[in-house]
Amino acid sequence: MNNNDTAQSSDIIALEEKLDDLIKHYDLLKIENKSLKIKQEELVREKAKLIEKTSSARHQVESMITRLKSMEHGA
């Protein structure tokens, strides 16, 4: 094996190591992305529940105000 073959072999090994690192990084990012998507779905559902509760509370308050106004006019 001459110096040129040794240099190419070293380059290939270095490239394989970089590729392995990229694959590991990709796998970690893929896991993180899946986790973030699940969390986002949970937050979207939580937001929808909060919007519904807020709407319900608003209607209840509006109903109470209407009843108070009618009591005021009736008195």
PDB file of N, CA and C in Angstrom:
ATOM      1  N   MET A   1       0.842  -1.174   0.000  1.00  0.00           N
ATOM      2  CA  MET A   1       0.000   0.000   0.000  1.00  0.00           C
ATOM      3  C   MET A   1       0.889   1.240   0.000  1.00  0.00           C
ATOM      4  N   ASN A   2       0.640   2.151  -0.925  1.00  0.00           N
ATOM      5  CA  ASN A   2       1.470   3.348  -0.981  1.00  0.00           C
ATOM      6  C   ASN A   2       0.817   4.489  -0.208  1.00  0.00           C
ATOM      7  N   ASN A   3       1.481   5.634  -0.194  1.00  0.00           N
ATOM      8  CA  ASN A   3       0.988   6.792   0.568  1.00  0.00           C
ATOM      9  C   ASN A   3      -0.358   7.293   0.048  1.00  0.00           C
ATOM     10  N   ASN A   4      -0.564   7.212  -1.260  1.00  0.00           N
ATOM     11  CA  ASN A   4      -1.820   7.673  -1.851  1.00  0.00           C
ATOM     12  C   ASN A   4      -2.983   6.801  -1.385  1.00  0.00           C
ATOM     13  N   ASP A   5      -2.755   5.484  -1.336  1.00  0.00           N
ATOM     14  CA  ASP A   5      -3.787   4.563  -0.862  1.00  0.00           C
ATOM     15  C   ASP A   5      -4.093   4.797   0.605  1.00  0.00           C
ATOM     16  N   THR A   6      -3.053   5.049   1.392  1.00  0.00           N
ATOM     17  CA  THR A   6      -3.227   5.310   2.818  1.00  0.00           C
ATOM     18  C   THR A   6      -4.023   6.591   3.042  1.00  0.00           C
ATOM     19  N   ALA A   7      -3.740   7.624   2.271  1.00  0.00           N
ATOM     20  CA  ALA A   7      -4.459   8.904   2.391  1.00  0.00           C
ATOM     21  C   ALA A   7      -5.924   8.718   2.009  1.00  0.00           C
ATOM     22  N   GLN A   8      -6.168   7.971   0.948  1.00  0.00           N
ATOM     23  CA  GLN A   8      -7.554   7.723   0.522  1.00  0.00           C
ATOM     24  C   GLN A   8      -8.296   6.907   1.574  1.00  0.00           C
ATOM     25  N   SER A   9      -7.607   5.938   2.144  1.00  0.00           N
ATOM     26  CA  SER A   9      -8.215   5.106   3.181  1.00  0.00           C
ATOM     27  C   SER A   9      -8.564   5.958   4.399  1.00  0.00           C
ATOM     28  N   SER A  10      -7.683   6.860   4.784  1.00  0.00           N
ATOM     29  CA  SER A  10      -7.940   7.765   5.911  1.00  0.00           C
ATOM     30  C   SER A  10      -9.108   8.694   5.600  1.00  0.00           C
ATOM     31  N   ASP A  11      -9.163   9.178   4.358  1.00  0.00           N
ATOM     32  CA  ASP A  11     -10.270  10.052   3.949  1.00  0.00           C
ATOM     33  C   ASP A  11     -11.604   9.309   4.013  1.00  0.00           C
ATOM     34  N   ILE A  12     -11.596   8.065   3.574  1.00  0.00           N
ATOM     35  CA  ILE A  12     -12.818   7.263   3.594  1.00  0.00           C
ATOM     36  C   ILE A  12     -13.259   7.007   5.030  1.00  0.00           C
ATOM     37  N   ILE A  13     -12.328   6.698   5.893  1.00  0.00           N
ATOM     38  CA  ILE A  13     -12.654   6.469   7.310  1.00  0.00           C
ATOM     39  C   ILE A  13     -13.221   7.739   7.931  1.00  0.00           C
ATOM     40  N   ALA A  14     -12.608   8.885   7.653  1.00  0.00           N
ATOM     41  CA  ALA A  14     -13.088  10.160   8.185  1.00  0.00           C
ATOM     42  C   ALA A  14     -14.492  10.461   7.657  1.00  0.00           C
ATOM     43  N   LEU A  15     -14.707  10.179   6.375  1.00  0.00           N
ATOM     44  CA  LEU A  15     -16.016  10.403   5.776  1.00  0.00           C
ATOM     45  C   LEU A  15     -17.068   9.483   6.401  1.00  0.00           C
ATOM     46  N   GLU A  16     -16.716   8.223   6.632  1.00  0.00           N
ATOM     47  CA  GLU A  16     -17.630   7.284   7.280  1.00  0.00           C
ATOM     48  C   GLU A  16     -17.992   7.753   8.688  1.00  0.00           C
ATOM     49  N   GLU A  17     -17.008   8.279   9.414  1.00  0.00           N
ATOM     50  CA  GLU A  17     -17.264   8.784  10.769  1.00  0.00           C
ATOM     51  C   GLU A  17     -18.200   9.987  10.737  1.00  0.00           C
ATOM     52  N   LYS A  18     -17.960  10.878   9.786  1.00  0.00           N
ATOM     53  CA  LYS A  18     -18.850  12.038   9.649  1.00  0.00           C
ATOM     54  C   LYS A  18     -20.260  11.608   9.285  1.00  0.00           C
ATOM     55  N   LEU A  19     -20.357  10.636   8.393  1.00  0.00           N
ATOM     56  CA  LEU A  19     -21.662  10.130   7.991  1.00  0.00           C
ATOM     57  C   LEU A  19     -22.373   9.478   9.169  1.00  0.00           C
ATOM     58  N   ASP A  20     -21.656   8.710   9.970  1.00  0.00           N
ATOM     59  CA  ASP A  20     -22.241   8.094  11.166  1.00  0.00           C
ATOM     60  C   ASP A  20     -22.747   9.163  12.128  1.00  0.00           C
ATOM     61  N   ASP A  21     -21.960  10.234  12.317  1.00  0.00           N
ATOM     62  CA  ASP A  21     -22.380  11.343  13.186  1.00  0.00           C
ATOM     63  C   ASP A  21     -23.642  12.019  12.645  1.00  0.00           C
ATOM     64  N   LEU A  22     -23.705  12.213  11.337  1.00  0.00           N
ATOM     65  CA  LEU A  22     -24.883  12.822  10.727  1.00  0.00           C
ATOM     66  C   LEU A  22     -26.119  11.942  10.902  1.00  0.00           C
ATOM     67  N   ILE A  23     -25.942  10.640  10.756  1.00  0.00           N
ATOM     68  CA  ILE A  23     -27.061   9.713  10.927  1.00  0.00           C
ATOM     69  C   ILE A  23     -27.555   9.746  12.370  1.00  0.00           C
ATOM     70  N   LYS A  24     -26.632   9.759  13.323  1.00  0.00           N
ATOM     71  CA  LYS A  24     -27.020   9.838  14.734  1.00  0.00           C
ATOM     72  C   LYS A  24     -27.763  11.144  15.013  1.00  0.00           C
ATOM     73  N   HIS A  25     -27.246  12.240  14.481  1.00  0.00           N
ATOM     74  CA  HIS A  25     -27.880  13.546  14.668  1.00  0.00           C
ATOM     75  C   HIS A  25     -29.267  13.564  14.035  1.00  0.00           C
ATOM     76  N   TYR A  26     -29.386  12.991  12.850  1.00  0.00           N
ATOM     77  CA  TYR A  26     -30.685  12.893  12.170  1.00  0.00           C
ATOM     78  C   TYR A  26     -31.677  12.100  13.016  1.00  0.00           C
ATOM     79  N   ASP A  27     -31.236  10.967  13.556  1.00  0.00           N
ATOM     80  CA  ASP A  27     -32.120  10.142  14.380  1.00  0.00           C
ATOM     81  C   ASP A  27     -32.594  10.905  15.619  1.00  0.00           C
ATOM     82  N   LEU A  28     -31.683  11.644  16.249  1.00  0.00           N
ATOM     83  CA  LEU A  28     -32.063  12.446  17.418  1.00  0.00           C
ATOM     84  C   LEU A  28     -33.073  13.528  17.038  1.00  0.00           C
ATOM     85  N   LEU A  29     -32.838  14.193  15.920  1.00  0.00           N
ATOM     86  CA  LEU A  29     -33.760  15.236  15.471  1.00  0.00           C
ATOM     87  C   LEU A  29     -35.122  14.661  15.106  1.00  0.00           C
ATOM     88  N   LYS A  30     -35.113  13.474  14.541  1.00  0.00           N
ATOM     89  CA  LYS A  30     -36.369  12.812  14.184  1.00  0.00           C
ATOM     90  C   LYS A  30     -37.188  12.504  15.440  1.00  0.00           C
ATOM     91  N   ILE A  31     -36.529  12.025  16.483  1.00  0.00           N
ATOM     92  CA  ILE A  31     -37.196  11.745  17.755  1.00  0.00           C
ATOM     93  C   ILE A  31     -37.712  13.039  18.373  1.00  0.00           C
ATOM     94  N   GLU A  32     -36.871  14.074  18.371  1.00  0.00           N
ATOM     95  CA  GLU A  32     -37.270  15.366  18.934  1.00  0.00           C
ATOM     96  C   GLU A  32     -38.458  15.941  18.167  1.00  0.00           C
ATOM     97  N   ASN A  33     -38.440  15.829  16.857  1.00  0.00           N
ATOM     98  CA  ASN A  33     -39.531  16.342  16.029  1.00  0.00           C
ATOM     99  C   ASN A  33     -40.835  15.620  16.348  1.00  0.00           C
ATOM    100  N   LYS A  34     -40.774  14.316  16.501  1.00  0.00           N
ATOM    101  CA  LYS A  34     -41.976  13.554  16.839  1.00  0.00           C
ATOM    102  C   LYS A  34     -42.523  13.991  18.195  1.00  0.00           C
ATOM    103  N   SER A  35     -41.621  14.172  19.148  1.00  0.00           N
ATOM    104  CA  SER A  35     -42.020  14.616  20.482  1.00  0.00           C
ATOM    105  C   SER A  35     -42.664  15.997  20.432  1.00  0.00           C
ATOM    106  N   LEU A  36     -42.096  16.889  19.649  1.00  0.00           N
ATOM    107  CA  LEU A  36     -42.644  18.249  19.523  1.00  0.00           C
ATOM    108  C   LEU A  36     -44.016  18.239  18.845  1.00  0.00           C
ATOM    109  N   LYS A  37     -44.195  17.364  17.875  1.00  0.00           N
ATOM    110  CA  LYS A  37     -45.499  17.269  17.212  1.00  0.00           C
ATOM    111  C   LYS A  37     -46.564  16.772  18.183  1.00  0.00           C
ATOM    112  N   ILE A  38     -46.207  15.798  19.010  1.00  0.00           N
ATOM    113  CA  ILE A  38     -47.146  15.283  20.011  1.00  0.00           C
ATOM    114  C   ILE A  38     -47.503  16.389  20.994  1.00  0.00           C
ATOM    115  N   LYS A  39     -46.501  17.128  21.459  1.00  0.00           N
ATOM    116  CA  LYS A  39     -46.728  18.227  22.392  1.00  0.00           C
ATOM    117  C   LYS A  39     -47.608  19.297  21.748  1.00  0.00           C
ATOM    118  N   GLN A  40     -47.364  19.589  20.480  1.00  0.00           N
ATOM    119  CA  GLN A  40     -48.173  20.589  19.777  1.00  0.00           C
ATOM    120  C   GLN A  40     -49.630  20.139  19.701  1.00  0.00           C
ATOM    121  N   GLU A  41     -49.859  18.867  19.410  1.00  0.00           N
ATOM    122  CA  GLU A  41     -51.225  18.349  19.348  1.00  0.00           C
ATOM    123  C   GLU A  41     -51.907  18.482  20.707  1.00  0.00           C
ATOM    124  N   GLU A  42     -51.162  18.189  21.781  1.00  0.00           N
ATOM    125  CA  GLU A  42     -51.724  18.335  23.128  1.00  0.00           C
ATOM    126  C   GLU A  42     -52.095  19.784  23.401  1.00  0.00           C
ATOM    127  N   LEU A  43     -51.221  20.695  23.024  1.00  0.00           N
ATOM    128  CA  LEU A  43     -51.475  22.116  23.262  1.00  0.00           C
ATOM    129  C   LEU A  43     -52.654  22.624  22.438  1.00  0.00           C
ATOM    130  N   VAL A  44     -52.794  22.130  21.217  1.00  0.00           N
ATOM    131  CA  VAL A  44     -53.934  22.526  20.378  1.00  0.00           C
ATOM    132  C   VAL A  44     -55.233  22.056  21.023  1.00  0.00           C
ATOM    133  N   ARG A  45     -55.234  20.810  21.540  1.00  0.00           N
ATOM    134  CA  ARG A  45     -56.448  20.305  22.213  1.00  0.00           C
ATOM    135  C   ARG A  45     -56.742  21.113  23.471  1.00  0.00           C
ATOM    136  N   GLU A  46     -55.700  21.436  24.234  1.00  0.00           N
ATOM    137  CA  GLU A  46     -55.878  22.226  25.457  1.00  0.00           C
ATOM    138  C   GLU A  46     -56.420  23.616  25.113  1.00  0.00           C
ATOM    139  N   LYS A  47     -55.899  24.207  24.064  1.00  0.00           N
ATOM    140  CA  LYS A  47     -56.368  25.529  23.635  1.00  0.00           C
ATOM    141  C   LYS A  47     -57.846  25.478  23.262  1.00  0.00           C
ATOM    142  N   ALA A  48     -58.236  24.437  22.541  1.00  0.00           N
ATOM    143  CA  ALA A  48     -59.642  24.303  22.139  1.00  0.00           C
ATOM    144  C   ALA A  48     -60.542  24.188  23.368  1.00  0.00           C
ATOM    145  N   LYS A  49     -60.101  23.424  24.370  1.00  0.00           N
ATOM    146  CA  LYS A  49     -60.891  23.299  25.603  1.00  0.00           C
ATOM    147  C   LYS A  49     -61.006  24.644  26.310  1.00  0.00           C
ATOM    148  N   LEU A  50     -59.907  25.386  26.368  1.00  0.00           N
ATOM    149  CA  LEU A  50     -59.927  26.693  27.021  1.00  0.00           C
ATOM    150  C   LEU A  50     -60.818  27.680  26.275  1.00  0.00           C
ATOM    151  N   ILE A  51     -60.792  27.628  24.963  1.00  0.00           N
ATOM    152  CA  ILE A  51     -61.662  28.502  24.168  1.00  0.00           C
ATOM    153  C   ILE A  51     -63.120  28.174  24.460  1.00  0.00           C
ATOM    154  N   GLU A  52     -63.438  26.882  24.522  1.00  0.00           N
ATOM    155  CA  GLU A  52     -64.805  26.465  24.820  1.00  0.00           C
ATOM    156  C   GLU A  52     -65.227  26.916  26.220  1.00  0.00           C
ATOM    157  N   LYS A  53     -64.338  26.755  27.213  1.00  0.00           N
ATOM    158  CA  LYS A  53     -64.661  27.189  28.582  1.00  0.00           C
ATOM    159  C   LYS A  53     -64.864  28.698  28.639  1.00  0.00           C
ATOM    160  N   THR A  54     -64.016  29.431  27.938  1.00  0.00           N
ATOM    161  CA  THR A  54     -64.128  30.895  27.915  1.00  0.00           C
ATOM    162  C   THR A  54     -65.452  31.312  27.282  1.00  0.00           C
ATOM    163  N   SER A  55     -65.794  30.666  26.204  1.00  0.00           N
ATOM    164  CA  SER A  55     -67.061  30.972  25.532  1.00  0.00           C
ATOM    165  C   SER A  55     -68.244  30.672  26.443  1.00  0.00           C
ATOM    166  N   SER A  56     -68.198  29.544  27.120  1.00  0.00           N
ATOM    167  CA  SER A  56     -69.272  29.170  28.038  1.00  0.00           C
ATOM    168  C   SER A  56     -69.388  30.185  29.175  1.00  0.00           C
ATOM    169  N   ALA A  57     -68.254  30.567  29.730  1.00  0.00           N
ATOM    170  CA  ALA A  57     -68.264  31.547  30.818  1.00  0.00           C
ATOM    171  C   ALA A  57     -68.804  32.893  30.333  1.00  0.00           C
ATOM    172  N   ARG A  58     -68.424  33.282  29.113  1.00  0.00           N
ATOM    173  CA  ARG A  58     -68.907  34.549  28.551  1.00  0.00           C
ATOM    174  C   ARG A  58     -70.428  34.522  28.422  1.00  0.00           C
ATOM    175  N   HIS A  59     -70.973  33.418  27.936  1.00  0.00           N
ATOM    176  CA  HIS A  59     -72.428  33.309  27.778  1.00  0.00           C
ATOM    177  C   HIS A  59     -73.133  33.345  29.135  1.00  0.00           C
ATOM    178  N   GLN A  60     -72.529  32.706  30.118  1.00  0.00           N
ATOM    179  CA  GLN A  60     -73.129  32.716  31.462  1.00  0.00           C
ATOM    180  C   GLN A  60     -73.143  34.132  32.033  1.00  0.00           C
ATOM    181  N   VAL A  61     -72.042  34.851  31.872  1.00  0.00           N
ATOM    182  CA  VAL A  61     -71.960  36.231  32.372  1.00  0.00           C
ATOM    183  C   VAL A  61     -72.959  37.116  31.633  1.00  0.00           C
ATOM    184  N   GLU A  62     -73.037  36.953  30.311  1.00  0.00           N
ATOM    185  CA  GLU A  62     -73.997  37.743  29.535  1.00  0.00           C
ATOM    186  C   GLU A  62     -75.425  37.440  29.979  1.00  0.00           C
ATOM    187  N   SER A  63     -75.712  36.182  30.254  1.00  0.00           N
ATOM    188  CA  SER A  63     -77.039  35.792  30.719  1.00  0.00           C
ATOM    189  C   SER A  63     -77.341  36.427  32.078  1.00  0.00           C
ATOM    190  N   MET A  64     -76.361  36.419  32.977  1.00  0.00           N
ATOM    191  CA  MET A  64     -76.555  37.038  34.298  1.00  0.00           C
ATOM    192  C   MET A  64     -76.793  38.541  34.164  1.00  0.00           C
ATOM    193  N   ILE A  65     -76.046  39.178  33.288  1.00  0.00           N
ATOM    194  CA  ILE A  65     -76.211  40.618  33.077  1.00  0.00           C
ATOM    195  C   ILE A  65     -77.616  40.905  32.550  1.00  0.00           C
ATOM    196  N   THR A  66     -78.061  40.094  31.615  1.00  0.00           N
ATOM    197  CA  THR A  66     -79.413  40.273  31.061  1.00  0.00           C
ATOM    198  C   THR A  66     -80.457  40.104  32.155  1.00  0.00           C
ATOM    199  N   ARG A  67     -80.316  39.085  32.996  1.00  0.00           N
ATOM    200  CA  ARG A  67     -81.278  38.867  34.086  1.00  0.00           C
ATOM    201  C   ARG A  67     -81.242  40.021  35.078  1.00  0.00           C
ATOM    202  N   LEU A  68     -80.055  40.514  35.399  1.00  0.00           N
ATOM    203  CA  LEU A  68     -79.942  41.649  36.329  1.00  0.00           C
ATOM    204  C   LEU A  68     -80.616  42.887  35.745  1.00  0.00           C
ATOM    205  N   LYS A  69     -80.414  43.123  34.456  1.00  0.00           N
ATOM    206  CA  LYS A  69     -81.027  44.297  33.815  1.00  0.00           C
ATOM    207  C   LYS A  69     -82.554  44.172  33.828  1.00  0.00           C
ATOM    208  N   SER A  70     -83.069  42.955  33.574  1.00  0.00           N
ATOM    209  CA  SER A  70     -84.507  42.779  33.566  1.00  0.00           C
ATOM    210  C   SER A  70     -85.052  42.912  34.988  1.00  0.00           C
ATOM    211  N   MET A  71     -84.320  42.474  35.988  1.00  0.00           N
ATOM    212  CA  MET A  71     -84.748  42.641  37.377  1.00  0.00           C
ATOM    213  C   MET A  71     -84.761  44.122  37.736  1.00  0.00           C
ATOM    214  N   GLU A  72     -83.762  44.843  37.246  1.00  0.00           N
ATOM    215  CA  GLU A  72     -83.648  46.273  37.521  1.00  0.00           C
ATOM    216  C   GLU A  72     -84.839  47.030  36.907  1.00  0.00           C
ATOM    217  N   HIS A  73     -85.206  46.663  35.692  1.00  0.00           N
ATOM    218  CA  HIS A  73     -86.321  47.318  35.004  1.00  0.00           C
ATOM    219  C   HIS A  73     -87.664  46.895  35.622  1.00  0.00           C
ATOM    220  N   GLY A  74     -87.728  45.715  36.190  1.00  0.00           N
ATOM    221  CA  GLY A  74     -88.946  45.228  36.793  1.00  0.00           C
ATOM    222  C   GLY A  74     -89.178  45.793  38.173  1.00  0.00           C
ATOM    223  N   ALA A  75     -88.132  46.270  38.785  1.00  0.00           N
ATOM    224  CA  ALA A  75     -88.260  46.764  40.170  1.00  0.00           C
ATOM    225  C   ALA A  75     -88.796  48.162  40.281  1.00  0.00           C
TER     226      ALA A  75
END
